[in-house]
Amino acid sequence: MGKVHFWLHNIGTIMVLTGMYFFTIGEEGFAFPFALTGALIVLGATVVFVVNMFMNINYAETFERNK
């Protein structure tokens, strides 16, 4: 899950930054959907991170109890 989070976050960040660039040059019609899609991808990556974090916290607690 870490690799999925990594790639989603990096791809989404590049899309957001590209969308912001298009805003600065006046291409709002193209920039908004591009930036929005990138932001939603970053949001998805964050959800993957939180799920992964809680899965590993539960695994660590189980490991400590069984030591």
PDB file of N, CA and C in Angstrom:
ATOM      1  N   MET A   1       0.807  -1.197   0.000  1.00  0.00           N
ATOM      2  CA  MET A   1       0.000   0.000   0.000  1.00  0.00           C
ATOM      3  C   MET A   1       0.849   1.260   0.000  1.00  0.00           C
ATOM      4  N   GLY A   2       2.038   1.150   0.506  1.00  0.00           N
ATOM      5  CA  GLY A   2       2.921   2.306   0.522  1.00  0.00           C
ATOM      6  C   GLY A   2       3.296   2.780  -0.868  1.00  0.00           C
ATOM      7  N   LYS A   3       3.528   1.823  -1.764  1.00  0.00           N
ATOM      8  CA  LYS A   3       3.874   2.191  -3.143  1.00  0.00           C
ATOM      9  C   LYS A   3       2.691   2.837  -3.853  1.00  0.00           C
ATOM     10  N   VAL A   4       1.493   2.344  -3.587  1.00  0.00           N
ATOM     11  CA  VAL A   4       0.293   2.938  -4.185  1.00  0.00           C
ATOM     12  C   VAL A   4       0.139   4.376  -3.704  1.00  0.00           C
ATOM     13  N   HIS A   5       0.291   4.580  -2.398  1.00  0.00           N
ATOM     14  CA  HIS A   5       0.207   5.928  -1.832  1.00  0.00           C
ATOM     15  C   HIS A   5       1.260   6.837  -2.466  1.00  0.00           C
ATOM     16  N   PHE A   6       2.478   6.358  -2.556  1.00  0.00           N
ATOM     17  CA  PHE A   6       3.580   7.147  -3.110  1.00  0.00           C
ATOM     18  C   PHE A   6       3.273   7.604  -4.528  1.00  0.00           C
ATOM     19  N   TRP A   7       2.879   6.660  -5.388  1.00  0.00           N
ATOM     20  CA  TRP A   7       2.660   7.020  -6.791  1.00  0.00           C
ATOM     21  C   TRP A   7       1.421   7.882  -6.982  1.00  0.00           C
ATOM     22  N   LEU A   8       0.349   7.578  -6.268  1.00  0.00           N
ATOM     23  CA  LEU A   8      -0.842   8.419  -6.387  1.00  0.00           C
ATOM     24  C   LEU A   8      -0.544   9.848  -5.943  1.00  0.00           C
ATOM     25  N   HIS A   9       0.159   9.979  -4.834  1.00  0.00           N
ATOM     26  CA  HIS A   9       0.459  11.315  -4.319  1.00  0.00           C
ATOM     27  C   HIS A   9       1.351  12.093  -5.292  1.00  0.00           C
ATOM     28  N   ASN A  10       2.352  11.451  -5.835  1.00  0.00           N
ATOM     29  CA  ASN A  10       3.247  12.142  -6.763  1.00  0.00           C
ATOM     30  C   ASN A  10       2.553  12.513  -8.072  1.00  0.00           C
ATOM     31  N   ILE A  11       1.749  11.626  -8.617  1.00  0.00           N
ATOM     32  CA  ILE A  11       1.029  11.928  -9.854  1.00  0.00           C
ATOM     33  C   ILE A  11       0.022  13.049  -9.616  1.00  0.00           C
ATOM     34  N   GLY A  12      -0.706  12.976  -8.504  1.00  0.00           N
ATOM     35  CA  GLY A  12      -1.677  14.015  -8.186  1.00  0.00           C
ATOM     36  C   GLY A  12      -1.030  15.369  -7.966  1.00  0.00           C
ATOM     37  N   THR A  13       0.107  15.391  -7.298  1.00  0.00           N
ATOM     38  CA  THR A  13       0.807  16.656  -7.059  1.00  0.00           C
ATOM     39  C   THR A  13       1.265  17.287  -8.364  1.00  0.00           C
ATOM     40  N   ILE A  14       1.774  16.489  -9.267  1.00  0.00           N
ATOM     41  CA  ILE A  14       2.197  17.016 -10.569  1.00  0.00           C
ATOM     42  C   ILE A  14       1.001  17.583 -11.326  1.00  0.00           C
ATOM     43  N   MET A  15      -0.141  16.903 -11.245  1.00  0.00           N
ATOM     44  CA  MET A  15      -1.332  17.408 -11.930  1.00  0.00           C
ATOM     45  C   MET A  15      -1.820  18.720 -11.320  1.00  0.00           C
ATOM     46  N   VAL A  16      -1.802  18.821  -9.992  1.00  0.00           N
ATOM     47  CA  VAL A  16      -2.215  20.066  -9.329  1.00  0.00           C
ATOM     48  C   VAL A  16      -1.287  21.211  -9.729  1.00  0.00           C
ATOM     49  N   LEU A  17       0.007  20.961  -9.706  1.00  0.00           N
ATOM     50  CA  LEU A  17       0.956  22.013 -10.063  1.00  0.00           C
ATOM     51  C   LEU A  17       0.825  22.420 -11.528  1.00  0.00           C
ATOM     52  N   THR A  18       0.559  21.457 -12.395  1.00  0.00           N
ATOM     53  CA  THR A  18       0.347  21.779 -13.805  1.00  0.00           C
ATOM     54  C   THR A  18      -0.924  22.610 -13.977  1.00  0.00           C
ATOM     55  N   GLY A  19      -1.967  22.243 -13.262  1.00  0.00           N
ATOM     56  CA  GLY A  19      -3.196  23.030 -13.290  1.00  0.00           C
ATOM     57  C   GLY A  19      -2.977  24.446 -12.791  1.00  0.00           C
ATOM     58  N   MET A  20      -2.187  24.604 -11.740  1.00  0.00           N
ATOM     59  CA  MET A  20      -1.886  25.938 -11.226  1.00  0.00           C
ATOM     60  C   MET A  20      -1.096  26.752 -12.245  1.00  0.00           C
ATOM     61  N   TYR A  21      -0.221  26.100 -12.957  1.00  0.00           N
ATOM     62  CA  TYR A  21       0.521  26.793 -14.018  1.00  0.00           C
ATOM     63  C   TYR A  21      -0.433  27.306 -15.094  1.00  0.00           C
ATOM     64  N   PHE A  22      -1.384  26.463 -15.495  1.00  0.00           N
ATOM     65  CA  PHE A  22      -2.330  26.892 -16.518  1.00  0.00           C
ATOM     66  C   PHE A  22      -3.215  28.035 -16.024  1.00  0.00           C
ATOM     67  N   PHE A  23      -3.496  28.087 -14.727  1.00  0.00           N
ATOM     68  CA  PHE A  23      -4.216  29.235 -14.170  1.00  0.00           C
ATOM     69  C   PHE A  23      -3.409  30.518 -14.361  1.00  0.00           C
ATOM     70  N   THR A  24      -2.103  30.434 -14.139  1.00  0.00           N
ATOM     71  CA  THR A  24      -1.274  31.640 -14.225  1.00  0.00           C
ATOM     72  C   THR A  24      -1.139  32.164 -15.643  1.00  0.00           C
ATOM     73  N   ILE A  25      -1.263  31.296 -16.641  1.00  0.00           N
ATOM     74  CA  ILE A  25      -1.144  31.780 -18.019  1.00  0.00           C
ATOM     75  C   ILE A  25      -2.510  32.084 -18.631  1.00  0.00           C
ATOM     76  N   GLY A  26      -3.568  31.945 -17.829  1.00  0.00           N
ATOM     77  CA  GLY A  26      -4.892  32.348 -18.279  1.00  0.00           C
ATOM     78  C   GLY A  26      -5.731  31.278 -18.938  1.00  0.00           C
ATOM     79  N   GLU A  27      -5.354  30.033 -18.815  1.00  0.00           N
ATOM     80  CA  GLU A  27      -6.110  28.921 -19.405  1.00  0.00           C
ATOM     81  C   GLU A  27      -7.003  28.277 -18.348  1.00  0.00           C
ATOM     82  N   GLU A  28      -7.946  29.061 -17.800  1.00  0.00           N
ATOM     83  CA  GLU A  28      -8.786  28.566 -16.710  1.00  0.00           C
ATOM     84  C   GLU A  28      -9.662  27.383 -17.124  1.00  0.00           C
ATOM     85  N   GLY A  29     -10.112  27.369 -18.369  1.00  0.00           N
ATOM     86  CA  GLY A  29     -10.967  26.282 -18.829  1.00  0.00           C
ATOM     87  C   GLY A  29     -10.284  24.925 -18.775  1.00  0.00           C
ATOM     88  N   PHE A  30      -8.997  24.904 -19.017  1.00  0.00           N
ATOM     89  CA  PHE A  30      -8.238  23.654 -18.966  1.00  0.00           C
ATOM     90  C   PHE A  30      -7.677  23.420 -17.563  1.00  0.00           C
ATOM     91  N   ALA A  31      -7.366  24.499 -16.863  1.00  0.00           N
ATOM     92  CA  ALA A  31      -6.675  24.386 -15.579  1.00  0.00           C
ATOM     93  C   ALA A  31      -7.558  23.794 -14.489  1.00  0.00           C
ATOM     94  N   PHE A  32      -8.803  24.243 -14.404  1.00  0.00           N
ATOM     95  CA  PHE A  32      -9.649  23.798 -13.302  1.00  0.00           C
ATOM     96  C   PHE A  32      -9.866  22.287 -13.279  1.00  0.00           C
ATOM     97  N   PRO A  33     -10.292  21.660 -14.388  1.00  0.00           N
ATOM     98  CA  PRO A  33     -10.472  20.200 -14.333  1.00  0.00           C
ATOM     99  C   PRO A  33      -9.161  19.454 -14.052  1.00  0.00           C
ATOM    100  N   PHE A  34      -8.066  19.984 -14.579  1.00  0.00           N
ATOM    101  CA  PHE A  34      -6.766  19.339 -14.368  1.00  0.00           C
ATOM    102  C   PHE A  34      -6.372  19.406 -12.898  1.00  0.00           C
ATOM    103  N   ALA A  35      -6.506  20.600 -12.289  1.00  0.00           N
ATOM    104  CA  ALA A  35      -6.149  20.764 -10.882  1.00  0.00           C
ATOM    105  C   ALA A  35      -7.106  19.988  -9.983  1.00  0.00           C
ATOM    106  N   LEU A  36      -8.383  19.972 -10.332  1.00  0.00           N
ATOM    107  CA  LEU A  36      -9.369  19.247  -9.523  1.00  0.00           C
ATOM    108  C   LEU A  36      -9.096  17.743  -9.557  1.00  0.00           C
ATOM    109  N   THR A  37      -8.807  17.213 -10.718  1.00  0.00           N
ATOM    110  CA  THR A  37      -8.486  15.784 -10.833  1.00  0.00           C
ATOM    111  C   THR A  37      -7.245  15.448 -10.012  1.00  0.00           C
ATOM    112  N   GLY A  38      -6.228  16.292 -10.111  1.00  0.00           N
ATOM    113  CA  GLY A  38      -5.024  16.071  -9.312  1.00  0.00           C
ATOM    114  C   GLY A  38      -5.296  16.121  -7.825  1.00  0.00           C
ATOM    115  N   ALA A  39      -6.137  17.066  -7.407  1.00  0.00           N
ATOM    116  CA  ALA A  39      -6.468  17.177  -5.986  1.00  0.00           C
ATOM    117  C   ALA A  39      -7.231  15.948  -5.500  1.00  0.00           C
ATOM    118  N   LEU A  40      -8.129  15.433  -6.324  1.00  0.00           N
ATOM    119  CA  LEU A  40      -8.865  14.228  -5.938  1.00  0.00           C
ATOM    120  C   LEU A  40      -7.954  13.005  -5.868  1.00  0.00           C
ATOM    121  N   ILE A  41      -6.957  12.946  -6.748  1.00  0.00           N
ATOM    122  CA  ILE A  41      -5.988  11.853  -6.692  1.00  0.00           C
ATOM    123  C   ILE A  41      -5.167  11.943  -5.401  1.00  0.00           C
ATOM    124  N   VAL A  42      -4.763  13.167  -5.027  1.00  0.00           N
ATOM    125  CA  VAL A  42      -4.020  13.348  -3.768  1.00  0.00           C
ATOM    126  C   VAL A  42      -4.903  12.968  -2.584  1.00  0.00           C
ATOM    127  N   LEU A  43      -6.173  13.317  -2.644  1.00  0.00           N
ATOM    128  CA  LEU A  43      -7.102  12.919  -1.584  1.00  0.00           C
ATOM    129  C   LEU A  43      -7.183  11.401  -1.483  1.00  0.00           C
ATOM    130  N   GLY A  44      -7.274  10.726  -2.618  1.00  0.00           N
ATOM    131  CA  GLY A  44      -7.283   9.265  -2.617  1.00  0.00           C
ATOM    132  C   GLY A  44      -6.005   8.687  -2.040  1.00  0.00           C
ATOM    133  N   ALA A  45      -4.874   9.307  -2.361  1.00  0.00           N
ATOM    134  CA  ALA A  45      -3.593   8.848  -1.811  1.00  0.00           C
ATOM    135  C   ALA A  45      -3.557   9.017  -0.300  1.00  0.00           C
ATOM    136  N   THR A  46      -4.165  10.085   0.187  1.00  0.00           N
ATOM    137  CA  THR A  46      -4.218  10.318   1.630  1.00  0.00           C
ATOM    138  C   THR A  46      -5.088   9.272   2.318  1.00  0.00           C
ATOM    139  N   VAL A  47      -6.184   8.895   1.691  1.00  0.00           N
ATOM    140  CA  VAL A  47      -7.042   7.843   2.244  1.00  0.00           C
ATOM    141  C   VAL A  47      -6.277   6.524   2.290  1.00  0.00           C
ATOM    142  N   VAL A  48      -5.542   6.212   1.231  1.00  0.00           N
ATOM    143  CA  VAL A  48      -4.729   4.987   1.217  1.00  0.00           C
ATOM    144  C   VAL A  48      -3.702   5.032   2.349  1.00  0.00           C
ATOM    145  N   PHE A  49      -3.091   6.199   2.584  1.00  0.00           N
ATOM    146  CA  PHE A  49      -2.111   6.340   3.655  1.00  0.00           C
ATOM    147  C   PHE A  49      -2.746   6.080   5.021  1.00  0.00           C
ATOM    148  N   VAL A  50      -3.925   6.664   5.262  1.00  0.00           N
ATOM    149  CA  VAL A  50      -4.583   6.502   6.565  1.00  0.00           C
ATOM    150  C   VAL A  50      -4.978   5.047   6.790  1.00  0.00           C
ATOM    151  N   VAL A  51      -5.509   4.399   5.774  1.00  0.00           N
ATOM    152  CA  VAL A  51      -5.864   2.979   5.894  1.00  0.00           C
ATOM    153  C   VAL A  51      -4.618   2.153   6.188  1.00  0.00           C
ATOM    154  N   ASN A  52      -3.548   2.411   5.474  1.00  0.00           N
ATOM    155  CA  ASN A  52      -2.293   1.696   5.693  1.00  0.00           C
ATOM    156  C   ASN A  52      -1.766   1.936   7.104  1.00  0.00           C
ATOM    157  N   MET A  53      -1.863   3.175   7.568  1.00  0.00           N
ATOM    158  CA  MET A  53      -1.375   3.505   8.906  1.00  0.00           C
ATOM    159  C   MET A  53      -2.141   2.718   9.966  1.00  0.00           C
ATOM    160  N   PHE A  54      -3.482   2.710   9.881  1.00  0.00           N
ATOM    161  CA  PHE A  54      -4.267   1.996  10.882  1.00  0.00           C
ATOM    162  C   PHE A  54      -4.078   0.487  10.793  1.00  0.00           C
ATOM    163  N   MET A  55      -3.883  -0.033   9.602  1.00  0.00           N
ATOM    164  CA  MET A  55      -3.608  -1.465   9.477  1.00  0.00           C
ATOM    165  C   MET A  55      -2.297  -1.817  10.167  1.00  0.00           C
ATOM    166  N   ASN A  56      -1.293  -0.974  10.025  1.00  0.00           N
ATOM    167  CA  ASN A  56      -0.001  -1.256  10.633  1.00  0.00           C
ATOM    168  C   ASN A  56       0.016  -0.987  12.124  1.00  0.00           C
ATOM    169  N   ILE A  57      -0.787  -0.050  12.591  1.00  0.00           N
ATOM    170  CA  ILE A  57      -0.888   0.173  14.039  1.00  0.00           C
ATOM    171  C   ILE A  57      -1.498  -1.056  14.689  1.00  0.00           C
ATOM    172  N   ASN A  58      -2.561  -1.579  14.108  1.00  0.00           N
ATOM    173  CA  ASN A  58      -3.175  -2.791  14.658  1.00  0.00           C
ATOM    174  C   ASN A  58      -2.211  -3.969  14.614  1.00  0.00           C
ATOM    175  N   TYR A  59      -1.429  -4.081  13.542  1.00  0.00           N
ATOM    176  CA  TYR A  59      -0.448  -5.155  13.442  1.00  0.00           C
ATOM    177  C   TYR A  59       0.619  -5.009  14.523  1.00  0.00           C
ATOM    178  N   ALA A  60       1.074  -3.789  14.772  1.00  0.00           N
ATOM    179  CA  ALA A  60       2.106  -3.559  15.789  1.00  0.00           C
ATOM    180  C   ALA A  60       1.577  -3.869  17.180  1.00  0.00           C
ATOM    181  N   GLU A  61       0.333  -3.510  17.463  1.00  0.00           N
ATOM    182  CA  GLU A  61      -0.250  -3.819  18.770  1.00  0.00           C
ATOM    183  C   GLU A  61      -0.382  -5.326  18.963  1.00  0.00           C
ATOM    184  N   THR A  62      -0.796  -6.027  17.938  1.00  0.00           N
ATOM    185  CA  THR A  62      -0.906  -7.483  18.013  1.00  0.00           C
ATOM    186  C   THR A  62       0.468  -8.109  18.206  1.00  0.00           C
ATOM    187  N   PHE A  63       1.467  -7.583  17.515  1.00  0.00           N
ATOM    188  CA  PHE A  63       2.820  -8.102  17.647  1.00  0.00           C
ATOM    189  C   PHE A  63       3.346  -7.895  19.058  1.00  0.00           C
ATOM    190  N   GLU A  64       3.099  -6.743  19.649  1.00  0.00           N
ATOM    191  CA  GLU A  64       3.570  -6.465  21.016  1.00  0.00           C
ATOM    192  C   GLU A  64       2.898  -7.386  22.036  1.00  0.00           C
ATOM    193  N   ARG A  65       1.615  -7.678  21.857  1.00  0.00           N
ATOM    194  CA  ARG A  65       0.902  -8.553  22.793  1.00  0.00           C
ATOM    195  C   ARG A  65       1.386  -9.985  22.718  1.00  0.00           C
ATOM    196  N   ASN A  66       1.835 -10.415  21.545  1.00  0.00           N
ATOM    197  CA  ASN A  66       2.255 -11.810  21.348  1.00  0.00           C
ATOM    198  C   ASN A  66       3.733 -12.013  21.588  1.00  0.00           C
ATOM    199  N   LYS A  67       4.446 -11.032  22.030  1.00  0.00           N
ATOM    200  CA  LYS A  67       5.877 -11.168  22.266  1.00  0.00           C
ATOM    201  C   LYS A  67       6.198 -12.120  23.372  1.00  0.00           C
TER     202      LYS A  67
END
